[in-house]
Protein backbone atom coordinates (compact mmCIF):
# COMPACT_ATOMS: atom_id res chain seq x y z
CA UNK A 1 122.90 24.56 41.93
CA UNK A 2 119.78 26.37 41.33
CA UNK A 3 116.65 24.78 43.03
CA UNK A 4 113.23 25.81 42.09
CA UNK A 5 110.37 25.11 44.64
CA UNK A 6 106.83 25.33 44.82
CA UNK A 7 104.03 23.96 47.12
CA UNK A 8 100.47 24.66 48.14
CA UNK A 9 99.15 25.87 51.63
CA UNK A 10 99.88 22.39 53.11
CA UNK A 11 103.65 22.85 52.44
CA UNK A 12 103.93 26.49 52.95
CA UNK A 13 105.71 26.28 56.50
CA UNK A 14 107.88 23.56 55.29
CA UNK A 15 108.95 25.74 52.19
CA UNK A 16 110.26 28.51 54.50
CA UNK A 17 112.41 25.90 56.23
CA UNK A 18 113.57 24.45 53.06
CA UNK A 19 114.63 27.67 51.64
CA UNK A 20 116.91 28.37 54.59
CA UNK A 21 118.32 24.77 54.50
CA UNK A 22 119.10 24.85 50.88
CA UNK A 23 120.38 28.31 50.81
CA UNK A 24 122.68 27.44 53.94
CA UNK A 25 123.78 24.40 51.79
CA UNK A 26 125.04 26.81 49.07
CA UNK A 27 122.20 26.53 46.66
CA UNK A 28 120.38 29.32 44.75
CA UNK A 29 116.62 28.88 45.65
CA UNK A 30 113.90 30.23 43.60
CA UNK A 31 110.51 30.11 45.36
CA UNK A 32 107.54 29.92 42.90
CA UNK A 33 104.98 30.23 45.56
CA UNK A 34 102.67 30.65 47.31
CA UNK A 35 103.94 33.59 49.30
CA UNK A 36 101.17 33.45 51.81
CA UNK A 37 98.74 31.05 53.39
CA UNK A 38 95.40 30.59 51.51
CA UNK A 39 93.77 27.38 52.36
CA UNK A 40 91.90 27.34 49.16
CA UNK A 41 95.06 27.90 46.90
CA UNK A 42 95.49 25.97 43.76
CA UNK A 43 98.91 24.39 43.34
CA UNK A 44 99.05 23.55 39.61
CA UNK A 45 100.28 27.07 38.54
CA UNK A 46 102.88 27.16 41.30
CA UNK A 47 104.17 23.64 40.48
CA UNK A 48 103.95 24.18 36.60
CA UNK A 49 106.09 27.40 36.95
CA UNK A 50 108.68 25.77 39.01
CA UNK A 51 108.94 22.83 36.49
CA UNK A 52 109.02 25.18 33.47
CA UNK A 53 111.89 27.02 35.13
CA UNK A 54 113.82 23.79 35.61
CA UNK A 55 113.16 22.86 32.07
CA UNK A 56 114.48 26.43 30.80
CA UNK A 57 117.50 26.41 33.05
CA UNK A 58 118.49 22.88 31.94
CA UNK A 59 118.01 23.81 28.39
CA UNK A 60 120.30 26.84 28.93
CA UNK A 61 122.96 24.75 30.38
CA UNK A 62 122.39 25.72 34.03
CA UNK A 63 122.39 23.06 36.68
CA UNK A 64 118.85 23.01 38.11
CA UNK A 65 116.42 20.84 39.87
CA UNK A 66 112.92 21.24 41.23
CA UNK A 67 111.12 20.53 44.41
CA UNK A 68 107.38 20.48 44.75
CA UNK A 69 105.28 19.53 47.62
CA UNK A 70 101.82 19.65 48.99
CA UNK A 71 99.60 17.44 51.35
CA UNK A 72 100.39 14.21 49.57
CA UNK A 73 102.62 15.30 46.75
CA UNK A 74 100.60 13.43 44.19
CA UNK A 75 98.79 16.41 42.51
CA UNK A 76 101.98 18.46 42.62
CA UNK A 77 103.96 15.70 40.77
CA UNK A 78 101.27 15.38 38.24
CA UNK A 79 101.34 19.15 37.67
CA UNK A 80 105.16 19.21 37.19
CA UNK A 81 105.01 16.15 34.74
CA UNK A 82 102.79 18.20 32.43
CA UNK A 83 105.82 20.18 31.33
CA UNK A 84 107.91 18.83 28.53
CA UNK A 85 111.19 17.60 29.67
CA UNK A 86 110.32 17.23 33.25
CA UNK A 87 110.54 13.90 34.90
CA UNK A 88 108.96 14.38 38.34
CA UNK A 89 109.17 11.59 40.87
CA UNK A 90 106.88 11.15 44.03
CA UNK A 91 109.38 10.36 46.77
CA UNK A 92 108.42 8.55 50.06
CA UNK A 93 111.85 6.93 51.15
CA UNK A 94 115.36 7.26 50.86
CA UNK A 95 115.49 4.63 48.25
CA UNK A 96 113.04 6.44 46.01
CA UNK A 97 114.77 9.55 46.40
CA UNK A 98 118.19 8.06 45.25
CA UNK A 99 116.67 5.78 42.43
CA UNK A 100 114.66 8.83 40.97
CA UNK A 101 118.06 10.36 40.16
CA UNK A 102 119.94 7.35 39.67
CA UNK A 103 117.84 5.55 37.22
CA UNK A 104 115.30 7.91 35.97
CA UNK A 105 117.35 11.21 36.00
CA UNK A 106 114.31 12.77 37.55
CA UNK A 107 114.84 16.62 37.62
CA UNK A 108 111.95 17.29 40.02
CA UNK A 109 111.17 15.58 43.22
CA UNK A 110 107.64 15.70 44.88
CA UNK A 111 107.12 15.01 48.46
CA UNK A 112 103.88 14.98 50.65
CA UNK A 113 104.41 17.41 53.28
CA UNK A 114 101.78 15.87 55.39
CA UNK A 115 103.20 12.33 55.04
CA UNK A 116 106.86 13.04 56.49
CA UNK A 117 108.46 15.05 59.17
CA UNK A 118 110.37 17.99 57.94
CA UNK A 119 113.68 16.04 59.01
CA UNK A 120 112.73 13.08 56.67
CA UNK A 121 111.72 15.28 53.77
CA UNK A 122 114.99 17.27 54.10
CA UNK A 123 117.03 13.96 54.02
CA UNK A 124 115.14 12.83 51.04
CA UNK A 125 115.86 16.14 49.37
CA UNK A 126 119.39 16.16 50.18
CA UNK A 127 119.79 12.67 48.90
CA UNK A 128 118.01 13.46 45.73
CA UNK A 129 120.18 16.57 44.93
CA UNK A 130 123.44 14.85 45.77
CA UNK A 131 122.80 11.67 43.72
CA UNK A 132 124.00 11.66 40.06
CA UNK A 133 122.27 10.06 37.12
CA UNK A 134 124.07 6.58 36.54
CA UNK A 135 124.14 7.04 32.98
CA UNK A 136 123.69 3.28 32.28
CA UNK A 137 122.63 2.41 28.70
CA UNK A 138 119.28 0.89 29.89
CA UNK A 139 118.21 4.00 31.70
CA UNK A 140 119.32 6.26 28.95
CA UNK A 141 117.53 4.26 26.56
CA UNK A 142 114.34 4.47 28.57
CA UNK A 143 114.41 8.19 29.05
CA UNK A 144 114.90 8.67 25.45
CA UNK A 145 111.78 6.70 24.83
CA UNK A 146 109.77 8.94 27.27
CA UNK A 147 111.15 12.00 25.54
CA UNK A 148 110.15 10.43 22.04
CA UNK A 149 106.74 9.92 23.22
CA UNK A 150 106.67 13.63 24.36
CA UNK A 151 107.86 14.79 20.97
CA UNK A 152 105.83 12.57 18.66
CA UNK A 153 103.16 10.57 20.59
CA UNK A 154 104.64 7.31 19.74
CA UNK A 155 107.83 5.16 20.63
CA UNK A 156 108.74 3.63 17.42
CA UNK A 157 109.09 -0.12 17.40
CA UNK A 158 107.78 -0.53 20.88
CA UNK A 159 104.09 -1.43 20.36
CA UNK A 160 102.49 1.74 21.77
CA UNK A 161 98.90 1.55 20.75
CA UNK A 162 98.52 4.90 19.12
CA UNK A 163 95.32 3.98 17.49
CA UNK A 164 93.39 3.90 20.84
């Protein structure tokens, strides 16, 4: 599987460990940056580029997921979620990693590099990558509603307050 990663300065050292781990696990890793330490770097472009690459790969039929991380993972998740077709989940436990894929078909995971040990983060990432989407009708329906919102700015018949 192709795995796109991005971080900010808070996750730079972890990204190097992660690239080695994922490559040794047989994955093709594409690192969207940064390439060097800058305590004032801005994560949005790195994370958006990783998310764009995931969306493009998936649209082309290539199996791909993304991993973004920073100090807390919050901003990185927000940045990735700005890309159409991306469902980025902030993960802080094994359950959230598994359920992100199982119930939400998340295609990007976001982790706070300052919130977890490297070993914990790698366990969450491995679980996320390994877990398939359940395909349950209720989850498919909900994901379709999110996609409808992205396309149209409404979810027909669901009471979205589009006048606000």
